[in-house]
């Protein structure tokens, strides 16, 4: 059982969901290469032009949309690795 924190505009909503399939997507690259923008776009289903560079590691949870009726849900954990050379 997974508890997802869903972004609903100005508020957040928690939802319990049984997820049998999961994967990890690691985004790496130089600073300013829009890794965080991509992660936020996938996880929140919206584009945020004000997302700036981050330090360290951010983890976003993305419930991948089902492609076919009856398909098991897939939870992707997106690891957004800071683009500074130290990381």
Protein backbone atom coordinates (compact mmCIF):
# COMPACT_ATOMS: atom_id res chain seq x y z
CA UNK A 1 0.00 0.00 0.00
CA UNK A 2 1.33 3.40 -0.97
CA UNK A 3 0.15 6.80 0.25
CA UNK A 4 0.42 9.32 -2.56
CA UNK A 5 0.45 13.05 -1.94
CA UNK A 6 -1.42 14.54 -4.88
CA UNK A 7 -1.01 18.18 -5.84
CA UNK A 8 -4.47 19.71 -6.27
CA UNK A 9 -3.62 23.32 -7.01
CA UNK A 10 -3.31 25.24 -3.75
CA UNK A 11 -4.05 22.16 -1.63
CA UNK A 12 -2.69 18.65 -1.38
CA UNK A 13 -4.66 15.44 -1.07
CA UNK A 14 -3.43 12.11 0.27
CA UNK A 15 -4.68 8.95 -1.39
CA UNK A 16 -4.06 5.33 -0.39
CA UNK A 17 -3.55 3.03 -3.32
CA UNK A 18 -2.38 -0.54 -3.82
CA UNK A 19 0.54 -0.52 -6.25
CA UNK A 20 2.21 -3.77 -7.26
CA UNK A 21 4.48 -2.34 -9.95
CA UNK A 22 7.09 0.33 -9.29
CA UNK A 23 10.24 1.63 -10.88
CA UNK A 24 12.85 4.33 -10.34
CA UNK A 25 13.75 6.97 -12.92
CA UNK A 26 17.02 8.82 -12.23
CA UNK A 27 17.48 12.21 -13.91
CA UNK A 28 21.12 13.33 -14.14
CA UNK A 29 22.77 16.08 -16.13
CA UNK A 30 24.41 19.48 -15.83
CA UNK A 31 22.77 22.30 -13.88
CA UNK A 32 20.13 24.14 -15.87
CA UNK A 33 19.26 21.18 -18.10
CA UNK A 34 15.58 21.19 -16.95
CA UNK A 35 15.70 17.95 -14.92
CA UNK A 36 13.58 19.44 -12.12
CA UNK A 37 11.15 20.99 -14.61
CA UNK A 38 10.65 17.59 -16.25
CA UNK A 39 10.21 15.81 -12.89
CA UNK A 40 7.64 18.36 -11.70
CA UNK A 41 5.80 18.18 -15.03
CA UNK A 42 5.49 14.40 -14.84
CA UNK A 43 4.64 14.17 -11.14
CA UNK A 44 2.19 17.08 -10.91
CA UNK A 45 0.81 16.99 -14.46
CA UNK A 46 1.41 20.70 -14.89
CA UNK A 47 4.16 22.93 -16.20
CA UNK A 48 5.74 25.31 -13.71
CA UNK A 49 8.00 27.83 -15.47
CA UNK A 50 9.28 29.12 -12.12
CA UNK A 51 11.02 25.89 -11.08
CA UNK A 52 14.66 26.75 -10.58
CA UNK A 53 17.83 24.77 -9.96
CA UNK A 54 17.99 22.69 -6.80
CA UNK A 55 20.79 21.28 -4.66
CA UNK A 56 21.02 17.67 -3.57
CA UNK A 57 18.43 15.03 -4.37
CA UNK A 58 14.69 15.54 -4.76
CA UNK A 59 12.39 12.55 -5.06
CA UNK A 60 9.07 12.94 -6.87
CA UNK A 61 6.38 10.25 -7.01
CA UNK A 62 4.68 9.82 -10.39
CA UNK A 63 1.67 7.60 -10.87
CA UNK A 64 2.09 6.64 -14.52
CA UNK A 65 -1.24 6.74 -16.39
CA UNK A 66 -2.65 3.40 -17.48
CA UNK A 67 -2.38 2.75 -21.20
CA UNK A 68 -5.09 0.10 -21.30
CA UNK A 69 -8.16 -0.83 -19.27
CA UNK A 70 -7.30 -3.34 -16.57
CA UNK A 71 -3.58 -2.55 -16.65
CA UNK A 72 -1.93 -2.48 -13.22
CA UNK A 73 -0.91 0.98 -11.99
CA UNK A 74 2.80 1.83 -12.12
CA UNK A 75 4.43 4.08 -9.54
CA UNK A 76 7.64 5.74 -10.73
CA UNK A 77 9.93 7.27 -8.16
CA UNK A 78 11.74 10.10 -9.98
CA UNK A 79 15.15 10.89 -8.49
CA UNK A 80 16.11 14.43 -9.47
CA UNK A 81 19.87 14.68 -8.87
CA UNK A 82 21.37 18.16 -8.45
CA UNK A 83 23.41 19.28 -11.45
CA UNK A 84 26.37 20.74 -9.59
CA UNK A 85 29.70 19.03 -10.17
CA UNK A 86 29.87 17.94 -6.52
CA UNK A 87 26.81 15.70 -7.07
